[in-house]
Amino acid sequence: MTETAANSSKGRPAKNAAKAGFFARIALFVRQVIGELKKVVAPTRKELINYTLVVLVFVVIMMIIVTLLDLAFGTAVSWVFGGTGPADR
């Protein structure tokens, strides 16, 4: 953690964080987590739907790519080792 990140929003120096007791360090951590969570912006409904659709389209495209590669490699292995291809089954 950098010295800047170790400072709390109240301007406490980072040196005190190292000397502080166990519970004081936990309290500092919790304050920092709450401070970061206050910065989070929730997406709007439109953005959420858009992000969901992007992820679903990406997953479908990856499924198609993996399926095609699986068929290609399976056919190649069957051809190399003299087995029957998927079309002959």
N, C-alpha and C. Protein backbone atom coordinates (compact mmCIF):
# COMPACT_ATOMS: atom_id res chain seq x y z
N MET A 1 0.85 -1.15 0.00
CA MET A 1 0.00 0.00 0.00
C MET A 1 0.90 1.23 0.00
N THR A 2 0.59 2.22 -0.80
CA THR A 2 1.39 3.43 -0.85
C THR A 2 1.08 4.31 0.34
N GLU A 3 1.93 5.30 0.57
CA GLU A 3 1.68 6.20 1.69
C GLU A 3 0.38 6.97 1.49
N THR A 4 0.10 7.35 0.25
CA THR A 4 -1.12 8.09 -0.03
C THR A 4 -2.34 7.22 0.24
N ALA A 5 -2.29 5.96 -0.18
CA ALA A 5 -3.42 5.07 0.02
C ALA A 5 -3.60 4.74 1.50
N ALA A 6 -2.52 4.76 2.26
CA ALA A 6 -2.61 4.42 3.68
C ALA A 6 -3.22 5.56 4.48
N ASN A 7 -3.15 6.78 3.95
CA ASN A 7 -3.74 7.91 4.67
C ASN A 7 -5.25 7.82 4.60
N SER A 8 -5.88 8.14 5.71
CA SER A 8 -7.34 8.16 5.70
C SER A 8 -7.80 9.52 5.20
N SER A 9 -9.10 9.67 5.02
CA SER A 9 -9.63 10.94 4.53
C SER A 9 -9.47 12.04 5.57
N LYS A 10 -9.14 11.70 6.81
CA LYS A 10 -8.98 12.69 7.86
C LYS A 10 -7.54 13.20 7.95
N GLY A 11 -6.67 12.77 7.04
CA GLY A 11 -5.32 13.29 6.98
C GLY A 11 -4.36 12.65 7.96
N ARG A 12 -4.65 11.51 8.45
CA ARG A 12 -3.72 10.83 9.35
C ARG A 12 -2.51 10.37 8.57
N PRO A 13 -1.33 10.51 9.13
CA PRO A 13 -0.14 10.07 8.40
C PRO A 13 -0.05 8.56 8.33
N ALA A 14 0.63 8.07 7.30
CA ALA A 14 0.76 6.64 7.10
C ALA A 14 1.60 5.99 8.18
N LYS A 15 2.49 6.75 8.81
CA LYS A 15 3.36 6.19 9.84
C LYS A 15 2.55 5.65 11.02
N ASN A 16 1.47 6.35 11.37
CA ASN A 16 0.65 5.91 12.50
C ASN A 16 -0.07 4.61 12.20
N ALA A 17 -0.35 4.34 10.93
CA ALA A 17 -1.05 3.11 10.58
C ALA A 17 -0.18 1.89 10.88
N ALA A 18 1.13 2.02 10.70
CA ALA A 18 2.02 0.91 10.98
C ALA A 18 2.17 0.69 12.48
N LYS A 19 2.12 1.76 13.27
CA LYS A 19 2.28 1.65 14.72
C LYS A 19 0.97 1.35 15.43
N ALA A 20 -0.13 1.54 14.74
CA ALA A 20 -1.44 1.36 15.37
C ALA A 20 -1.65 -0.10 15.73
N GLY A 21 -2.54 -0.31 16.67
CA GLY A 21 -2.85 -1.65 17.11
C GLY A 21 -3.67 -2.40 16.07
N PHE A 22 -3.90 -3.66 16.37
CA PHE A 22 -4.63 -4.54 15.45
C PHE A 22 -6.01 -4.00 15.13
N PHE A 23 -6.77 -3.62 16.15
CA PHE A 23 -8.14 -3.15 15.92
C PHE A 23 -8.16 -1.79 15.25
N ALA A 24 -7.16 -0.96 15.50
CA ALA A 24 -7.09 0.34 14.84
C ALA A 24 -6.84 0.16 13.35
N ARG A 25 -6.01 -0.82 12.99
CA ARG A 25 -5.77 -1.09 11.57
C ARG A 25 -7.01 -1.64 10.90
N ILE A 26 -7.76 -2.47 11.60
CA ILE A 26 -9.02 -2.99 11.04
C ILE A 26 -10.00 -1.84 10.84
N ALA A 27 -10.10 -0.94 11.83
CA ALA A 27 -11.00 0.21 11.72
C ALA A 27 -10.59 1.10 10.54
N LEU A 28 -9.29 1.31 10.35
CA LEU A 28 -8.81 2.11 9.22
C LEU A 28 -9.19 1.44 7.91
N PHE A 29 -9.02 0.13 7.85
CA PHE A 29 -9.38 -0.61 6.64
C PHE A 29 -10.87 -0.46 6.35
N VAL A 30 -11.71 -0.60 7.36
CA VAL A 30 -13.16 -0.48 7.17
C VAL A 30 -13.51 0.93 6.70
N ARG A 31 -12.88 1.95 7.28
CA ARG A 31 -13.14 3.33 6.84
C ARG A 31 -12.74 3.51 5.37
N GLN A 32 -11.62 2.93 4.98
CA GLN A 32 -11.17 3.06 3.59
C GLN A 32 -12.12 2.33 2.65
N VAL A 33 -12.61 1.16 3.06
CA VAL A 33 -13.56 0.41 2.23
C VAL A 33 -14.84 1.21 2.06
N ILE A 34 -15.36 1.79 3.13
CA ILE A 34 -16.58 2.58 3.05
C ILE A 34 -16.36 3.80 2.16
N GLY A 35 -15.19 4.43 2.27
CA GLY A 35 -14.87 5.57 1.42
C GLY A 35 -14.85 5.21 -0.05
N GLU A 36 -14.30 4.03 -0.36
CA GLU A 36 -14.27 3.58 -1.76
C GLU A 36 -15.65 3.21 -2.25
N LEU A 37 -16.46 2.60 -1.39
CA LEU A 37 -17.81 2.21 -1.80
C LEU A 37 -18.70 3.43 -2.06
N LYS A 38 -18.41 4.55 -1.41
CA LYS A 38 -19.17 5.77 -1.66
C LYS A 38 -18.88 6.32 -3.06
N LYS A 39 -17.75 5.95 -3.64
CA LYS A 39 -17.38 6.42 -4.97
C LYS A 39 -18.03 5.61 -6.09
N VAL A 40 -18.59 4.46 -5.76
CA VAL A 40 -19.16 3.57 -6.77
C VAL A 40 -20.46 4.16 -7.32
N VAL A 41 -20.60 4.13 -8.63
CA VAL A 41 -21.80 4.63 -9.29
C VAL A 41 -22.52 3.44 -9.91
N ALA A 42 -23.77 3.24 -9.53
CA ALA A 42 -24.55 2.12 -10.06
C ALA A 42 -24.99 2.46 -11.49
N PRO A 43 -24.97 1.47 -12.39
CA PRO A 43 -25.40 1.75 -13.77
C PRO A 43 -26.91 1.97 -13.83
N THR A 44 -27.32 2.73 -14.83
CA THR A 44 -28.74 2.93 -15.04
C THR A 44 -29.34 1.65 -15.63
N ARG A 45 -30.66 1.60 -15.69
CA ARG A 45 -31.32 0.40 -16.23
C ARG A 45 -30.91 0.17 -17.68
N LYS A 46 -30.83 1.24 -18.46
CA LYS A 46 -30.46 1.12 -19.87
C LYS A 46 -29.02 0.59 -20.01
N GLU A 47 -28.11 1.12 -19.20
CA GLU A 47 -26.72 0.65 -19.23
C GLU A 47 -26.62 -0.81 -18.81
N LEU A 48 -27.37 -1.18 -17.79
CA LEU A 48 -27.34 -2.56 -17.30
C LEU A 48 -27.83 -3.54 -18.37
N ILE A 49 -28.91 -3.17 -19.06
CA ILE A 49 -29.42 -4.03 -20.14
C ILE A 49 -28.39 -4.11 -21.26
N ASN A 50 -27.77 -2.99 -21.59
CA ASN A 50 -26.76 -2.96 -22.64
C ASN A 50 -25.57 -3.85 -22.27
N TYR A 51 -25.07 -3.72 -21.05
CA TYR A 51 -23.94 -4.54 -20.60
C TYR A 51 -24.29 -6.03 -20.63
N THR A 52 -25.51 -6.36 -20.19
CA THR A 52 -25.95 -7.75 -20.18
C THR A 52 -25.99 -8.32 -21.59
N LEU A 53 -26.53 -7.56 -22.52
CA LEU A 53 -26.59 -8.03 -23.91
C LEU A 53 -25.19 -8.21 -24.50
N VAL A 54 -24.30 -7.30 -24.20
CA VAL A 54 -22.91 -7.41 -24.70
C VAL A 54 -22.28 -8.70 -24.18
N VAL A 55 -22.47 -8.99 -22.90
CA VAL A 55 -21.88 -10.20 -22.31
C VAL A 55 -22.50 -11.45 -22.94
N LEU A 56 -23.82 -11.47 -23.11
CA LEU A 56 -24.48 -12.64 -23.70
C LEU A 56 -24.02 -12.87 -25.14
N VAL A 57 -23.91 -11.80 -25.93
CA VAL A 57 -23.44 -11.95 -27.31
C VAL A 57 -22.01 -12.46 -27.33
N PHE A 58 -21.16 -11.94 -26.45
CA PHE A 58 -19.77 -12.40 -26.38
C PHE A 58 -19.71 -13.89 -26.02
N VAL A 59 -20.51 -14.31 -25.06
CA VAL A 59 -20.52 -15.72 -24.65
C VAL A 59 -20.97 -16.61 -25.80
N VAL A 60 -22.00 -16.21 -26.53
CA VAL A 60 -22.48 -17.00 -27.67
C VAL A 60 -21.40 -17.11 -28.74
N ILE A 61 -20.73 -16.00 -29.03
CA ILE A 61 -19.65 -16.02 -30.03
C ILE A 61 -18.52 -16.95 -29.57
N MET A 62 -18.15 -16.89 -28.30
CA MET A 62 -17.09 -17.77 -27.79
C MET A 62 -17.52 -19.23 -27.84
N MET A 63 -18.80 -19.51 -27.57
CA MET A 63 -19.30 -20.89 -27.66
C MET A 63 -19.19 -21.40 -29.09
N ILE A 64 -19.52 -20.57 -30.06
CA ILE A 64 -19.42 -20.97 -31.46
C ILE A 64 -17.97 -21.25 -31.83
N ILE A 65 -17.06 -20.36 -31.42
CA ILE A 65 -15.63 -20.56 -31.73
C ILE A 65 -15.12 -21.85 -31.12
N VAL A 66 -15.43 -22.09 -29.84
CA VAL A 66 -14.95 -23.30 -29.17
C VAL A 66 -15.54 -24.55 -29.82
N THR A 67 -16.82 -24.50 -30.19
CA THR A 67 -17.46 -25.64 -30.85
C THR A 67 -16.79 -25.96 -32.18
N LEU A 68 -16.54 -24.93 -32.97
CA LEU A 68 -15.89 -25.13 -34.27
C LEU A 68 -14.46 -25.68 -34.10
N LEU A 69 -13.73 -25.14 -33.13
CA LEU A 69 -12.37 -25.66 -32.88
C LEU A 69 -12.42 -27.11 -32.41
N ASP A 70 -13.39 -27.44 -31.55
CA ASP A 70 -13.52 -28.81 -31.07
C ASP A 70 -13.81 -29.76 -32.22
N LEU A 71 -14.72 -29.38 -33.11
CA LEU A 71 -15.01 -30.22 -34.26
C LEU A 71 -13.80 -30.36 -35.18
N ALA A 72 -13.09 -29.25 -35.40
CA ALA A 72 -11.92 -29.29 -36.29
C ALA A 72 -10.82 -30.17 -35.70
N PHE A 73 -10.50 -29.98 -34.44
CA PHE A 73 -9.44 -30.79 -33.82
C PHE A 73 -9.86 -32.25 -33.70
N GLY A 74 -11.13 -32.50 -33.39
CA GLY A 74 -11.61 -33.88 -33.32
C GLY A 74 -11.51 -34.58 -34.65
N THR A 75 -11.88 -33.89 -35.72
CA THR A 75 -11.78 -34.46 -37.06
C THR A 75 -10.32 -34.70 -37.43
N ALA A 76 -9.45 -33.73 -37.10
CA ALA A 76 -8.02 -33.87 -37.43
C ALA A 76 -7.40 -35.04 -36.68
N VAL A 77 -7.72 -35.18 -35.42
CA VAL A 77 -7.17 -36.29 -34.63
C VAL A 77 -7.67 -37.62 -35.17
N SER A 78 -8.96 -37.69 -35.50
CA SER A 78 -9.50 -38.92 -36.07
C SER A 78 -8.84 -39.26 -37.41
N TRP A 79 -8.58 -38.24 -38.20
CA TRP A 79 -7.94 -38.47 -39.50
C TRP A 79 -6.49 -38.92 -39.31
N VAL A 80 -5.76 -38.29 -38.38
CA VAL A 80 -4.35 -38.64 -38.16
C VAL A 80 -4.23 -40.05 -37.61
N PHE A 81 -5.07 -40.44 -36.69
CA PHE A 81 -4.93 -41.74 -36.06
C PHE A 81 -5.80 -42.82 -36.71
N GLY A 82 -6.39 -42.53 -37.83
CA GLY A 82 -7.09 -43.53 -38.62
C GLY A 82 -8.48 -43.88 -38.14
N GLY A 83 -9.04 -43.12 -37.26
CA GLY A 83 -10.40 -43.39 -36.80
C GLY A 83 -11.41 -42.83 -37.79
N THR A 84 -12.65 -42.99 -37.44
CA THR A 84 -13.69 -42.45 -38.29
C THR A 84 -13.99 -41.02 -37.87
N GLY A 85 -14.33 -40.16 -38.78
CA GLY A 85 -14.67 -38.78 -38.46
C GLY A 85 -16.07 -38.69 -37.91
N PRO A 86 -16.48 -37.53 -37.45
CA PRO A 86 -17.81 -37.36 -36.88
C PRO A 86 -18.90 -37.58 -37.91
N ALA A 87 -18.61 -37.35 -39.19
CA ALA A 87 -19.61 -37.55 -40.24
C ALA A 87 -19.87 -39.03 -40.51
N ASP A 88 -18.90 -39.89 -40.21
CA ASP A 88 -19.04 -41.33 -40.48
C ASP A 88 -19.79 -42.06 -39.35
N ARG A 89 -19.99 -41.44 -38.25
CA ARG A 89 -20.61 -42.12 -37.12
C ARG A 89 -22.04 -42.26 -37.33
